Amino acid sequence: MSQKITKTIGWVLTLGLALLFTFSAYLKLTQNEAALAQAASTGIDANTYRIIGIVEIISLILFVIPRTGVLGSLLLIAYMGGAIATHLQHQQSIMMAVVIQVLVWITIVLRFPELKQRLFKTTEA
């Protein structure tokens, strides 16, 4: 696959994830009733939920900006790890969170070749 196609796919995935995380953060920041009900079922109050939305939007902004993309990626991966742990703790399905986590990993491997090189580098003896 050419480098141009790889970059394009990486940015398309970035845009898709950005839309998804923006919508998620919007629901948290606007205190959507359905979102608050779901949060309450896991023991998260409205104020904490708003803070989670702020963390999500900051991580997303860092993820989209190329210069801070690796940091934003790591923050989103940690954020999704927390979501997976919360869902597991409350016996809820983790399928969607795992799919999003995998998409974030695929996106960063495509967008940041230097990170791909570090992650999959073979050691020489």
N, C-alpha and C. Protein backbone atom coordinates (compact mmCIF):
# COMPACT_ATOMS: atom_id res chain seq x y z
N MET A 1 0.85 -1.17 0.00
CA MET A 1 0.00 0.00 0.00
C MET A 1 0.90 1.24 0.00
N SER A 2 0.57 2.21 -0.84
CA SER A 2 1.40 3.40 -0.94
C SER A 2 1.26 4.27 0.31
N GLN A 3 2.26 5.12 0.52
CA GLN A 3 2.26 5.99 1.69
C GLN A 3 1.09 6.97 1.65
N LYS A 4 0.73 7.43 0.45
CA LYS A 4 -0.38 8.38 0.31
C LYS A 4 -1.71 7.73 0.71
N ILE A 5 -1.92 6.51 0.27
CA ILE A 5 -3.16 5.79 0.62
C ILE A 5 -3.20 5.53 2.12
N THR A 6 -2.07 5.13 2.69
CA THR A 6 -2.00 4.88 4.13
C THR A 6 -2.34 6.13 4.91
N LYS A 7 -1.77 7.27 4.50
CA LYS A 7 -2.04 8.54 5.18
C LYS A 7 -3.51 8.92 5.06
N THR A 8 -4.08 8.72 3.87
CA THR A 8 -5.49 9.06 3.65
C THR A 8 -6.39 8.20 4.52
N ILE A 9 -6.13 6.91 4.58
CA ILE A 9 -6.93 6.02 5.42
C ILE A 9 -6.79 6.43 6.89
N GLY A 10 -5.58 6.77 7.29
CA GLY A 10 -5.35 7.22 8.67
C GLY A 10 -6.15 8.46 9.01
N TRP A 11 -6.22 9.41 8.09
CA TRP A 11 -6.97 10.64 8.35
C TRP A 11 -8.47 10.42 8.28
N VAL A 12 -8.92 9.50 7.42
CA VAL A 12 -10.36 9.17 7.37
C VAL A 12 -10.77 8.54 8.69
N LEU A 13 -9.96 7.61 9.19
CA LEU A 13 -10.25 7.00 10.49
C LEU A 13 -10.19 8.04 11.61
N THR A 14 -9.25 8.97 11.53
CA THR A 14 -9.15 10.05 12.51
C THR A 14 -10.43 10.88 12.52
N LEU A 15 -10.92 11.22 11.34
CA LEU A 15 -12.15 12.01 11.24
C LEU A 15 -13.33 11.24 11.84
N GLY A 16 -13.44 9.95 11.51
CA GLY A 16 -14.53 9.15 12.07
C GLY A 16 -14.48 9.07 13.58
N LEU A 17 -13.29 8.82 14.12
CA LEU A 17 -13.14 8.78 15.57
C LEU A 17 -13.40 10.14 16.20
N ALA A 18 -12.96 11.20 15.52
CA ALA A 18 -13.20 12.55 16.04
C ALA A 18 -14.70 12.83 16.15
N LEU A 19 -15.46 12.44 15.13
CA LEU A 19 -16.90 12.64 15.18
C LEU A 19 -17.52 11.83 16.32
N LEU A 20 -17.09 10.60 16.48
CA LEU A 20 -17.62 9.73 17.53
C LEU A 20 -17.32 10.30 18.92
N PHE A 21 -16.07 10.67 19.17
CA PHE A 21 -15.69 11.21 20.48
C PHE A 21 -16.30 12.59 20.72
N THR A 22 -16.46 13.38 19.66
CA THR A 22 -17.10 14.69 19.81
C THR A 22 -18.55 14.52 20.25
N PHE A 23 -19.26 13.60 19.62
CA PHE A 23 -20.65 13.34 20.00
C PHE A 23 -20.73 12.85 21.44
N SER A 24 -19.84 11.94 21.80
CA SER A 24 -19.81 11.40 23.17
C SER A 24 -19.54 12.51 24.19
N ALA A 25 -18.56 13.35 23.90
CA ALA A 25 -18.24 14.46 24.82
C ALA A 25 -19.40 15.46 24.87
N TYR A 26 -20.04 15.70 23.74
CA TYR A 26 -21.19 16.62 23.70
C TYR A 26 -22.30 16.14 24.63
N LEU A 27 -22.58 14.84 24.60
CA LEU A 27 -23.62 14.30 25.48
C LEU A 27 -23.25 14.47 26.94
N LYS A 28 -21.98 14.32 27.25
CA LYS A 28 -21.53 14.47 28.64
C LYS A 28 -21.57 15.93 29.08
N LEU A 29 -21.11 16.83 28.21
CA LEU A 29 -21.04 18.24 28.58
C LEU A 29 -22.41 18.91 28.64
N THR A 30 -23.34 18.45 27.82
CA THR A 30 -24.69 19.04 27.82
C THR A 30 -25.60 18.35 28.83
N GLN A 31 -25.07 17.34 29.51
CA GLN A 31 -25.83 16.62 30.54
C GLN A 31 -27.11 16.01 29.97
N ASN A 32 -26.98 15.33 28.85
CA ASN A 32 -28.09 14.63 28.20
C ASN A 32 -28.73 13.65 29.19
N GLU A 33 -30.05 13.64 29.23
CA GLU A 33 -30.79 12.81 30.18
C GLU A 33 -30.46 11.33 30.06
N ALA A 34 -30.47 10.81 28.83
CA ALA A 34 -30.20 9.39 28.62
C ALA A 34 -28.76 9.06 29.03
N ALA A 35 -27.83 9.94 28.70
CA ALA A 35 -26.43 9.71 29.06
C ALA A 35 -26.25 9.77 30.58
N LEU A 36 -26.93 10.71 31.22
CA LEU A 36 -26.84 10.80 32.68
C LEU A 36 -27.43 9.56 33.36
N ALA A 37 -28.51 9.04 32.79
CA ALA A 37 -29.12 7.82 33.35
C ALA A 37 -28.16 6.64 33.24
N GLN A 38 -27.50 6.54 32.09
CA GLN A 38 -26.53 5.46 31.92
C GLN A 38 -25.35 5.62 32.88
N ALA A 39 -24.89 6.87 33.05
CA ALA A 39 -23.78 7.13 33.97
C ALA A 39 -24.20 6.80 35.40
N ALA A 40 -25.41 7.17 35.77
CA ALA A 40 -25.90 6.90 37.12
C ALA A 40 -25.96 5.40 37.39
N SER A 41 -26.23 4.61 36.35
CA SER A 41 -26.29 3.16 36.54
C SER A 41 -24.92 2.57 36.88
N THR A 42 -23.86 3.31 36.58
CA THR A 42 -22.50 2.85 36.93
C THR A 42 -21.94 3.62 38.13
N GLY A 43 -22.79 4.45 38.75
CA GLY A 43 -22.37 5.17 39.94
C GLY A 43 -21.63 6.47 39.68
N ILE A 44 -21.75 7.02 38.49
CA ILE A 44 -21.08 8.28 38.14
C ILE A 44 -22.09 9.41 38.24
N ASP A 45 -21.77 10.43 39.07
CA ASP A 45 -22.70 11.56 39.21
C ASP A 45 -22.53 12.56 38.06
N ALA A 46 -23.45 13.51 37.96
CA ALA A 46 -23.48 14.46 36.84
C ALA A 46 -22.21 15.30 36.75
N ASN A 47 -21.70 15.76 37.89
CA ASN A 47 -20.51 16.60 37.88
C ASN A 47 -19.28 15.82 37.39
N THR A 48 -19.13 14.60 37.88
CA THR A 48 -18.03 13.75 37.44
C THR A 48 -18.15 13.44 35.94
N TYR A 49 -19.37 13.23 35.50
CA TYR A 49 -19.62 12.94 34.09
C TYR A 49 -19.20 14.11 33.21
N ARG A 50 -19.46 15.32 33.68
CA ARG A 50 -19.04 16.52 32.93
C ARG A 50 -17.51 16.60 32.87
N ILE A 51 -16.84 16.28 33.97
CA ILE A 51 -15.37 16.29 33.99
C ILE A 51 -14.83 15.25 33.02
N ILE A 52 -15.46 14.08 32.97
CA ILE A 52 -15.05 13.05 32.02
C ILE A 52 -15.20 13.57 30.59
N GLY A 53 -16.26 14.31 30.31
CA GLY A 53 -16.46 14.91 28.99
C GLY A 53 -15.35 15.90 28.64
N ILE A 54 -14.92 16.69 29.63
CA ILE A 54 -13.84 17.65 29.41
C ILE A 54 -12.54 16.92 29.10
N VAL A 55 -12.25 15.88 29.86
CA VAL A 55 -11.04 15.07 29.61
C VAL A 55 -11.11 14.46 28.21
N GLU A 56 -12.28 13.98 27.83
CA GLU A 56 -12.46 13.37 26.52
C GLU A 56 -12.20 14.38 25.40
N ILE A 57 -12.73 15.58 25.52
CA ILE A 57 -12.56 16.58 24.46
C ILE A 57 -11.11 17.07 24.38
N ILE A 58 -10.45 17.21 25.53
CA ILE A 58 -9.03 17.60 25.52
C ILE A 58 -8.19 16.52 24.85
N SER A 59 -8.45 15.27 25.19
CA SER A 59 -7.72 14.15 24.58
C SER A 59 -7.96 14.12 23.08
N LEU A 60 -9.20 14.37 22.68
CA LEU A 60 -9.54 14.37 21.26
C LEU A 60 -8.81 15.49 20.51
N ILE A 61 -8.79 16.66 21.08
CA ILE A 61 -8.10 17.79 20.43
C ILE A 61 -6.62 17.45 20.24
N LEU A 62 -5.99 16.90 21.29
CA LEU A 62 -4.59 16.51 21.18
C LEU A 62 -4.39 15.42 20.13
N PHE A 63 -5.36 14.51 20.01
CA PHE A 63 -5.30 13.42 19.04
C PHE A 63 -5.35 13.93 17.60
N VAL A 64 -6.19 14.92 17.35
CA VAL A 64 -6.39 15.42 15.98
C VAL A 64 -5.21 16.26 15.50
N ILE A 65 -4.59 17.02 16.39
CA ILE A 65 -3.46 17.87 16.01
C ILE A 65 -2.24 16.97 15.74
N PRO A 66 -1.68 17.03 14.53
CA PRO A 66 -0.56 16.13 14.20
C PRO A 66 0.62 16.20 15.18
N ARG A 67 0.98 17.38 15.63
CA ARG A 67 2.14 17.53 16.51
C ARG A 67 1.94 16.87 17.87
N THR A 68 0.70 16.82 18.35
CA THR A 68 0.40 16.23 19.66
C THR A 68 -0.41 14.94 19.53
N GLY A 69 -0.46 14.40 18.32
CA GLY A 69 -1.29 13.24 18.04
C GLY A 69 -0.94 12.00 18.85
N VAL A 70 0.35 11.76 19.07
CA VAL A 70 0.75 10.57 19.82
C VAL A 70 0.27 10.69 21.27
N LEU A 71 0.45 11.86 21.87
CA LEU A 71 -0.02 12.08 23.24
C LEU A 71 -1.54 11.91 23.31
N GLY A 72 -2.25 12.52 22.37
CA GLY A 72 -3.70 12.39 22.34
C GLY A 72 -4.14 10.95 22.16
N SER A 73 -3.40 10.21 21.33
CA SER A 73 -3.69 8.79 21.12
C SER A 73 -3.57 8.01 22.42
N LEU A 74 -2.49 8.24 23.14
CA LEU A 74 -2.28 7.54 24.40
C LEU A 74 -3.37 7.89 25.41
N LEU A 75 -3.79 9.15 25.43
CA LEU A 75 -4.86 9.55 26.34
C LEU A 75 -6.18 8.89 25.96
N LEU A 76 -6.48 8.82 24.66
CA LEU A 76 -7.72 8.17 24.23
C LEU A 76 -7.69 6.67 24.52
N ILE A 77 -6.53 6.06 24.35
CA ILE A 77 -6.39 4.63 24.65
C ILE A 77 -6.63 4.41 26.15
N ALA A 78 -6.06 5.26 26.99
CA ALA A 78 -6.28 5.15 28.43
C ALA A 78 -7.75 5.40 28.78
N TYR A 79 -8.35 6.38 28.13
CA TYR A 79 -9.77 6.70 28.35
C TYR A 79 -10.63 5.49 28.02
N MET A 80 -10.38 4.86 26.87
CA MET A 80 -11.17 3.69 26.46
C MET A 80 -10.89 2.50 27.38
N GLY A 81 -9.67 2.39 27.88
CA GLY A 81 -9.36 1.34 28.85
C GLY A 81 -10.19 1.52 30.12
N GLY A 82 -10.34 2.76 30.56
CA GLY A 82 -11.19 3.04 31.72
C GLY A 82 -12.64 2.71 31.44
N ALA A 83 -13.10 3.01 30.24
CA ALA A 83 -14.48 2.69 29.86
C ALA A 83 -14.69 1.17 29.86
N ILE A 84 -13.72 0.44 29.33
CA ILE A 84 -13.82 -1.02 29.31
C ILE A 84 -13.85 -1.57 30.74
N ALA A 85 -12.99 -1.06 31.60
CA ALA A 85 -12.96 -1.52 32.99
C ALA A 85 -14.28 -1.22 33.70
N THR A 86 -14.83 -0.04 33.46
CA THR A 86 -16.11 0.32 34.08
C THR A 86 -17.23 -0.60 33.61
N HIS A 87 -17.27 -0.86 32.31
CA HIS A 87 -18.29 -1.76 31.77
C HIS A 87 -18.14 -3.17 32.33
N LEU A 88 -16.92 -3.64 32.44
CA LEU A 88 -16.69 -4.98 33.00
C LEU A 88 -17.14 -5.05 34.46
N GLN A 89 -16.83 -4.00 35.21
CA GLN A 89 -17.17 -3.97 36.63
C GLN A 89 -18.68 -4.03 36.85
N HIS A 90 -19.44 -3.50 35.90
CA HIS A 90 -20.90 -3.47 36.04
C HIS A 90 -21.60 -4.47 35.13
N GLN A 91 -20.87 -5.50 34.69
CA GLN A 91 -21.40 -6.58 33.87
C GLN A 91 -22.14 -6.06 32.63
N GLN A 92 -21.58 -5.04 31.97
CA GLN A 92 -22.14 -4.51 30.74
C GLN A 92 -21.27 -4.95 29.56
N SER A 93 -21.84 -4.91 28.37
CA SER A 93 -21.10 -5.31 27.18
C SER A 93 -19.92 -4.36 26.92
N ILE A 94 -18.78 -4.96 26.57
CA ILE A 94 -17.60 -4.15 26.27
C ILE A 94 -17.30 -4.11 24.77
N MET A 95 -18.15 -4.73 23.97
CA MET A 95 -17.88 -4.87 22.54
C MET A 95 -17.61 -3.53 21.85
N MET A 96 -18.49 -2.56 22.06
CA MET A 96 -18.32 -1.26 21.39
C MET A 96 -17.03 -0.58 21.82
N ALA A 97 -16.75 -0.60 23.11
CA ALA A 97 -15.53 0.04 23.62
C ALA A 97 -14.28 -0.63 23.06
N VAL A 98 -14.31 -1.95 22.93
CA VAL A 98 -13.16 -2.68 22.38
C VAL A 98 -12.98 -2.35 20.91
N VAL A 99 -14.07 -2.28 20.16
CA VAL A 99 -13.98 -1.93 18.74
C VAL A 99 -13.39 -0.53 18.57
N ILE A 100 -13.84 0.42 19.39
CA ILE A 100 -13.30 1.78 19.32
C ILE A 100 -11.82 1.78 19.69
N GLN A 101 -11.47 1.04 20.72
CA GLN A 101 -10.06 0.93 21.13
C GLN A 101 -9.20 0.40 19.98
N VAL A 102 -9.66 -0.65 19.32
CA VAL A 102 -8.93 -1.23 18.18
C VAL A 102 -8.81 -0.20 17.05
N LEU A 103 -9.88 0.53 16.77
CA LEU A 103 -9.84 1.57 15.73
C LEU A 103 -8.82 2.66 16.07
N VAL A 104 -8.74 3.03 17.34
CA VAL A 104 -7.74 4.03 17.75
C VAL A 104 -6.34 3.49 17.48
N TRP A 105 -6.09 2.23 17.84
CA TRP A 105 -4.77 1.63 17.60
C TRP A 105 -4.44 1.57 16.11
N ILE A 106 -5.40 1.14 15.30
CA ILE A 106 -5.17 1.08 13.85
C ILE A 106 -4.87 2.47 13.31
N THR A 107 -5.61 3.45 13.77
CA THR A 107 -5.42 4.83 13.31
C THR A 107 -4.04 5.35 13.66
N ILE A 108 -3.58 5.11 14.88
CA ILE A 108 -2.26 5.66 15.24
C ILE A 108 -1.14 4.94 14.51
N VAL A 109 -1.32 3.66 14.23
CA VAL A 109 -0.29 2.95 13.46
C VAL A 109 -0.21 3.51 12.04
N LEU A 110 -1.36 3.86 11.46
CA LEU A 110 -1.37 4.43 10.11
C LEU A 110 -0.89 5.88 10.09
N ARG A 111 -1.26 6.67 11.10
CA ARG A 111 -0.90 8.08 11.11
C ARG A 111 0.54 8.36 11.53
N PHE A 112 1.08 7.53 12.40
CA PHE A 112 2.40 7.80 12.96
C PHE A 112 3.35 6.64 12.67
N PRO A 113 3.98 6.66 11.49
CA PRO A 113 4.88 5.57 11.13
C PRO A 113 6.02 5.37 12.13
N GLU A 114 6.47 6.45 12.77
CA GLU A 114 7.56 6.32 13.75
C GLU A 114 7.11 5.50 14.96
N LEU A 115 5.85 5.62 15.34
CA LEU A 115 5.31 4.83 16.44
C LEU A 115 5.17 3.37 16.03
N LYS A 116 4.72 3.16 14.80
CA LYS A 116 4.62 1.80 14.26
C LYS A 116 6.00 1.14 14.27
N GLN A 117 7.00 1.91 13.87
CA GLN A 117 8.36 1.37 13.84
C GLN A 117 8.83 1.00 15.24
N ARG A 118 8.52 1.82 16.22
CA ARG A 118 8.92 1.53 17.60
C ARG A 118 8.16 0.33 18.17
N LEU A 119 6.89 0.22 17.85
CA LEU A 119 6.06 -0.86 18.40
C LEU A 119 6.42 -2.21 17.82
N PHE A 120 6.70 -2.24 16.52
CA PHE A 120 6.91 -3.51 15.84
C PHE A 120 8.35 -3.76 15.44
N LYS A 121 9.26 -3.02 16.01
CA LYS A 121 10.67 -3.16 15.69
C LYS A 121 11.20 -4.47 16.26
N THR A 122 11.94 -5.19 15.43
CA THR A 122 12.56 -6.42 15.91
C THR A 122 13.93 -6.09 16.49
N THR A 123 14.29 -6.76 17.55
CA THR A 123 15.58 -6.50 18.18
C THR A 123 16.66 -7.27 17.43
N GLU A 124 17.76 -6.60 17.26
CA GLU A 124 18.90 -7.23 16.59
C GLU A 124 19.89 -7.69 17.63
N ALA A 125 20.40 -8.88 17.44
CA ALA A 125 21.37 -9.44 18.42
C ALA A 125 22.77 -9.09 18.07
